[in-house]
N, C-alpha and C. Protein backbone atom coordinates (compact mmCIF):
# COMPACT_ATOMS: atom_id res chain seq x y z
N MET A 1 -37.45 -7.99 -30.95
CA MET A 1 -36.43 -8.50 -29.96
C MET A 1 -35.14 -8.02 -30.18
N ALA A 2 -34.87 -7.28 -29.27
CA ALA A 2 -33.32 -6.72 -29.37
C ALA A 2 -32.32 -7.74 -29.29
N LEU A 3 -31.14 -7.47 -30.13
CA LEU A 3 -30.00 -8.31 -30.21
C LEU A 3 -29.01 -7.83 -29.00
N VAL A 4 -29.05 -6.65 -28.48
CA VAL A 4 -28.34 -6.04 -27.56
C VAL A 4 -29.17 -6.12 -26.10
N PRO A 5 -28.84 -6.40 -25.15
CA PRO A 5 -29.58 -6.41 -23.96
C PRO A 5 -29.51 -4.93 -23.48
N ASP A 6 -30.71 -4.45 -22.97
CA ASP A 6 -30.57 -3.19 -22.15
C ASP A 6 -29.46 -3.04 -21.29
N GLU A 7 -28.91 -1.84 -21.28
CA GLU A 7 -27.85 -1.67 -20.38
C GLU A 7 -28.54 -1.13 -19.12
N ALA A 8 -27.87 -1.68 -17.98
CA ALA A 8 -28.41 -1.52 -16.57
C ALA A 8 -28.16 -0.26 -16.26
N PRO A 9 -28.93 0.59 -15.44
CA PRO A 9 -28.56 1.96 -15.18
C PRO A 9 -27.31 1.83 -14.28
N PRO A 10 -26.40 3.09 -14.57
CA PRO A 10 -25.25 3.10 -13.82
C PRO A 10 -25.38 3.21 -12.21
N THR A 11 -24.68 2.40 -11.62
CA THR A 11 -24.65 2.37 -10.15
C THR A 11 -23.60 3.35 -9.40
N LYS A 12 -24.18 3.85 -8.18
CA LYS A 12 -23.35 4.76 -7.79
C LYS A 12 -22.27 4.26 -6.87
N ALA A 13 -21.22 4.64 -6.81
CA ALA A 13 -20.00 3.93 -5.98
C ALA A 13 -20.52 4.22 -4.63
N PRO A 14 -19.95 3.30 -3.62
CA PRO A 14 -20.27 3.72 -2.16
C PRO A 14 -19.35 4.65 -1.91
N PRO A 15 -19.99 5.52 -0.78
CA PRO A 15 -19.27 6.63 -0.23
C PRO A 15 -18.01 6.30 0.22
N PRO A 16 -16.92 7.10 0.33
CA PRO A 16 -15.56 6.57 0.95
C PRO A 16 -15.70 6.50 2.44
N VAL A 17 -15.15 5.32 2.81
CA VAL A 17 -15.33 5.05 4.36
C VAL A 17 -14.10 6.12 5.09
N GLU A 18 -14.62 6.60 6.29
CA GLU A 18 -13.70 7.40 7.21
C GLU A 18 -13.02 6.17 8.02
N ILE A 19 -11.69 6.53 7.89
CA ILE A 19 -10.76 5.78 8.52
C ILE A 19 -10.05 6.64 9.78
N ASP A 20 -10.20 6.09 10.83
CA ASP A 20 -9.47 6.88 12.01
C ASP A 20 -7.97 6.81 11.75
N PRO A 21 -7.40 8.05 11.91
CA PRO A 21 -6.05 8.36 11.53
C PRO A 21 -4.78 7.30 12.18
N ARG A 22 -5.28 7.04 13.50
CA ARG A 22 -4.31 6.20 14.29
C ARG A 22 -4.46 4.71 13.68
N LYS A 23 -5.55 4.34 13.41
CA LYS A 23 -5.81 2.99 12.78
C LYS A 23 -5.00 2.91 11.64
N ALA A 24 -5.16 3.91 10.64
CA ALA A 24 -4.59 3.84 9.31
C ALA A 24 -3.08 3.88 9.31
N GLU A 25 -2.45 4.54 10.45
CA GLU A 25 -1.01 4.73 10.67
C GLU A 25 -0.47 3.33 11.06
N ALA A 26 -1.32 2.75 12.12
CA ALA A 26 -0.98 1.23 12.56
C ALA A 26 -0.94 0.51 11.49
N TYR A 27 -1.94 0.60 10.60
CA TYR A 27 -2.17 -0.50 9.26
C TYR A 27 -0.83 -0.27 8.47
N TRP A 28 -0.66 1.00 8.04
CA TRP A 28 0.56 1.25 7.19
C TRP A 28 1.89 1.09 7.86
N GLY A 29 1.96 1.01 9.12
CA GLY A 29 3.33 0.62 9.90
C GLY A 29 3.49 -0.99 9.78
N LYS A 30 2.38 -1.64 9.92
CA LYS A 30 2.64 -2.96 9.72
C LYS A 30 2.87 -3.48 8.39
N THR A 31 2.16 -2.78 7.46
CA THR A 31 2.52 -3.05 6.02
C THR A 31 3.82 -2.75 5.51
N VAL A 32 4.19 -1.58 6.08
CA VAL A 32 5.76 -1.28 5.64
C VAL A 32 6.65 -2.14 6.19
N ARG A 33 6.55 -2.62 7.72
CA ARG A 33 7.23 -3.62 8.21
C ARG A 33 7.30 -4.93 7.36
N LEU A 34 6.26 -5.34 6.94
CA LEU A 34 6.22 -6.54 6.22
C LEU A 34 6.90 -6.30 4.92
N MET A 35 6.64 -5.24 4.32
CA MET A 35 7.44 -5.11 3.02
C MET A 35 8.92 -5.06 2.83
N TRP A 36 9.29 -4.47 4.34
CA TRP A 36 11.11 -4.48 4.50
C TRP A 36 11.49 -5.90 4.79
N ILE A 37 10.73 -6.67 5.44
CA ILE A 37 10.97 -8.13 5.76
C ILE A 37 11.12 -8.83 4.43
N THR A 38 10.03 -8.71 3.57
CA THR A 38 9.97 -9.25 2.26
C THR A 38 11.33 -8.83 1.45
N LEU A 39 11.46 -7.62 1.23
CA LEU A 39 12.39 -7.20 0.60
C LEU A 39 13.78 -7.67 1.21
N SER A 40 14.24 -7.78 2.39
CA SER A 40 15.43 -8.27 3.04
C SER A 40 15.59 -9.78 2.56
N LEU A 41 14.43 -10.51 2.72
CA LEU A 41 14.56 -11.88 2.25
C LEU A 41 15.03 -12.06 0.75
N TRP A 42 14.20 -11.25 -0.01
CA TRP A 42 14.55 -11.23 -1.43
C TRP A 42 16.06 -10.87 -1.69
N PHE A 43 16.43 -9.90 -0.92
CA PHE A 43 18.04 -9.21 -1.06
C PHE A 43 18.99 -10.62 -0.58
N PHE A 44 18.69 -10.91 0.38
CA PHE A 44 19.46 -12.29 0.80
C PHE A 44 19.51 -13.36 -0.21
N ALA A 45 18.34 -13.79 -0.68
CA ALA A 45 18.35 -15.07 -1.74
C ALA A 45 18.80 -14.44 -3.07
N SER A 46 18.73 -13.18 -3.44
CA SER A 46 19.16 -12.45 -4.83
C SER A 46 20.77 -12.48 -4.74
N PHE A 47 21.33 -12.12 -3.73
CA PHE A 47 22.75 -11.45 -3.76
C PHE A 47 23.48 -12.20 -2.99
N LEU A 48 23.27 -12.40 -1.48
CA LEU A 48 24.18 -12.77 -0.45
C LEU A 48 24.44 -14.16 -0.71
N VAL A 49 23.42 -14.92 -0.93
CA VAL A 49 23.63 -16.29 -1.27
C VAL A 49 24.60 -16.51 -2.47
N HIS A 50 24.52 -16.00 -3.26
CA HIS A 50 25.21 -15.96 -4.56
C HIS A 50 26.68 -15.46 -4.36
N LEU A 51 27.03 -14.40 -3.72
CA LEU A 51 28.14 -14.05 -3.23
C LEU A 51 28.97 -15.18 -2.71
N PHE A 52 28.32 -16.10 -1.74
CA PHE A 52 29.25 -17.06 -1.13
C PHE A 52 28.84 -18.54 -1.78
N ALA A 53 28.63 -18.64 -2.99
CA ALA A 53 28.57 -19.65 -3.89
C ALA A 53 29.63 -20.46 -3.80
N PRO A 54 30.81 -19.70 -4.41
CA PRO A 54 32.03 -20.45 -4.18
C PRO A 54 32.56 -21.14 -3.09
N SER A 55 32.19 -20.68 -1.85
CA SER A 55 32.47 -21.31 -0.60
C SER A 55 31.47 -22.24 -0.22
N LEU A 56 30.27 -22.19 -0.75
CA LEU A 56 29.32 -23.32 -0.60
C LEU A 56 29.61 -24.67 -1.50
N ASN A 57 30.52 -24.54 -2.61
CA ASN A 57 30.46 -25.43 -3.46
C ASN A 57 31.10 -26.93 -2.92
N PRO A 58 31.98 -26.80 -1.95
CA PRO A 58 32.42 -28.00 -1.41
C PRO A 58 31.19 -28.98 -0.85
N ILE A 59 30.16 -28.47 -0.61
CA ILE A 59 29.11 -29.09 -0.19
C ILE A 59 28.27 -29.62 -1.33
N HIS A 60 28.05 -30.94 -1.43
CA HIS A 60 27.23 -31.36 -2.52
C HIS A 60 25.71 -32.04 -2.09
N ILE A 61 24.82 -31.74 -3.00
CA ILE A 61 23.50 -32.22 -2.72
C ILE A 61 22.90 -32.77 -4.06
N LEU A 62 22.57 -33.92 -3.95
CA LEU A 62 22.24 -34.57 -5.09
C LEU A 62 23.22 -34.66 -6.30
N GLY A 63 24.60 -34.56 -5.96
CA GLY A 63 25.44 -34.79 -6.83
C GLY A 63 26.04 -33.35 -7.54
N PHE A 64 25.07 -32.12 -7.00
CA PHE A 64 25.61 -30.94 -7.70
C PHE A 64 26.19 -29.97 -6.41
N PRO A 65 27.05 -29.18 -6.57
CA PRO A 65 27.58 -28.24 -5.53
C PRO A 65 26.53 -27.45 -5.12
N LEU A 66 26.42 -27.16 -3.81
CA LEU A 66 25.28 -26.26 -3.06
C LEU A 66 25.33 -24.75 -3.46
N GLY A 67 26.52 -24.36 -4.00
CA GLY A 67 26.46 -23.02 -4.68
C GLY A 67 25.69 -23.17 -5.86
N PHE A 68 25.87 -24.02 -6.86
CA PHE A 68 25.10 -24.30 -8.11
C PHE A 68 23.59 -24.42 -7.79
N TYR A 69 23.59 -25.24 -6.83
CA TYR A 69 21.99 -25.53 -6.48
C TYR A 69 21.33 -24.51 -5.95
N MET A 70 21.87 -23.71 -5.17
CA MET A 70 21.32 -22.51 -4.46
C MET A 70 20.93 -21.32 -5.82
N ALA A 71 21.82 -21.34 -6.73
CA ALA A 71 21.79 -20.42 -7.60
C ALA A 71 20.65 -20.83 -8.60
N ALA A 72 20.56 -22.10 -8.76
CA ALA A 72 19.62 -22.59 -9.84
C ALA A 72 18.22 -22.90 -9.44
N GLN A 73 18.27 -23.33 -8.35
CA GLN A 73 16.93 -23.89 -7.65
C GLN A 73 16.57 -23.21 -6.46
N GLY A 74 17.47 -23.20 -5.41
CA GLY A 74 17.13 -22.64 -4.26
C GLY A 74 16.63 -21.17 -4.10
N SER A 75 17.23 -20.17 -4.81
CA SER A 75 16.59 -18.92 -4.77
C SER A 75 15.17 -18.86 -5.36
N LEU A 76 14.90 -19.86 -6.43
CA LEU A 76 13.67 -19.77 -6.96
C LEU A 76 12.69 -20.32 -5.89
N ILE A 77 13.07 -21.31 -5.26
CA ILE A 77 12.21 -21.87 -4.22
C ILE A 77 11.85 -20.93 -3.20
N ILE A 78 13.11 -19.82 -2.71
CA ILE A 78 12.82 -19.13 -1.57
C ILE A 78 11.82 -18.03 -2.21
N PHE A 79 11.89 -17.75 -3.49
CA PHE A 79 11.00 -16.55 -4.09
C PHE A 79 9.58 -16.96 -4.01
N VAL A 80 9.27 -18.09 -4.40
CA VAL A 80 7.81 -18.58 -4.36
C VAL A 80 7.44 -18.68 -3.02
N VAL A 81 8.06 -19.25 -2.22
CA VAL A 81 7.67 -19.60 -0.73
C VAL A 81 7.54 -18.20 -0.25
N ALA A 82 8.34 -17.14 -0.60
CA ALA A 82 8.16 -15.98 0.02
C ALA A 82 7.14 -15.17 -0.56
N LEU A 83 6.65 -15.32 -1.88
CA LEU A 83 5.37 -14.82 -2.27
C LEU A 83 4.15 -15.46 -1.59
N PHE A 84 4.17 -16.51 -1.42
CA PHE A 84 2.81 -16.83 -0.69
C PHE A 84 2.75 -16.50 0.75
N TRP A 85 3.95 -16.61 1.21
CA TRP A 85 4.19 -16.03 2.57
C TRP A 85 3.68 -14.59 3.01
N PHE A 86 4.16 -13.97 1.84
CA PHE A 86 3.77 -12.34 1.75
C PHE A 86 2.11 -12.06 1.66
N ALA A 87 1.54 -12.95 0.71
CA ALA A 87 0.26 -12.82 0.61
C ALA A 87 -0.49 -13.21 1.83
N ARG A 88 -0.19 -14.33 2.35
CA ARG A 88 -0.90 -14.74 3.66
C ARG A 88 -0.76 -13.58 4.78
N ALA A 89 0.41 -13.16 4.95
CA ALA A 89 0.68 -12.18 6.06
C ALA A 89 -0.02 -10.91 5.62
N GLN A 90 -0.02 -10.43 4.40
CA GLN A 90 -0.74 -9.08 4.11
C GLN A 90 -2.22 -9.27 4.26
N ASN A 91 -2.81 -10.74 4.03
CA ASN A 91 -4.09 -10.97 4.14
C ASN A 91 -4.44 -10.72 5.68
N ALA A 92 -3.62 -11.22 6.62
CA ALA A 92 -3.95 -11.46 8.13
C ALA A 92 -3.71 -9.85 8.53
N ILE A 93 -2.93 -9.09 7.87
CA ILE A 93 -2.78 -7.56 8.56
C ILE A 93 -4.33 -6.91 7.94
N ASP A 94 -4.71 -7.14 6.83
CA ASP A 94 -6.00 -6.60 6.20
C ASP A 94 -7.12 -6.99 7.10
N GLU A 95 -7.12 -8.30 7.51
CA GLU A 95 -8.26 -8.74 8.36
C GLU A 95 -8.31 -8.04 9.71
N GLU A 96 -6.99 -8.00 10.16
CA GLU A 96 -6.96 -7.40 11.50
C GLU A 96 -7.57 -5.89 11.43
N PHE A 97 -7.34 -5.30 10.27
CA PHE A 97 -7.70 -3.95 10.43
C PHE A 97 -8.89 -3.76 9.59
N ASP A 98 -9.79 -4.63 9.48
CA ASP A 98 -10.96 -4.77 8.70
C ASP A 98 -10.86 -4.29 7.42
N VAL A 99 -10.04 -4.28 6.44
CA VAL A 99 -10.01 -3.59 5.00
C VAL A 99 -9.56 -5.02 4.19
N ALA A 100 -10.01 -6.35 4.48
CA ALA A 100 -9.69 -7.41 3.83
C ALA A 100 -10.84 -7.39 2.65
N GLU A 101 -10.31 -7.75 1.35
CA GLU A 101 -11.38 -8.07 0.39
C GLU A 101 -11.97 -9.31 0.45
N GLU A 102 -13.04 -9.28 -0.12
CA GLU A 102 -14.13 -10.61 0.02
C GLU A 102 -13.65 -11.56 -0.85
């Protein structure tokens, strides 16, 4: 009785799939567009909101100045929502072009 199980024979990788160049270009175009939208949202939440924090401070939410709230909590919330939105949008693009993972 062997303590180490027999190794399964190595399996061959499936052959590469031929992709229509026009379809690949359209897929990449949509993916790049999504990337730029996400980066723009990140830039807005990371830098622009914080640049205007002093002018937002007269507005209070739950007793805290809005500028402080956006710096401490609002940006993090925007980042998490953007992350899930990006994943969902990229999945939709992948499914549209039949390259989605299972």
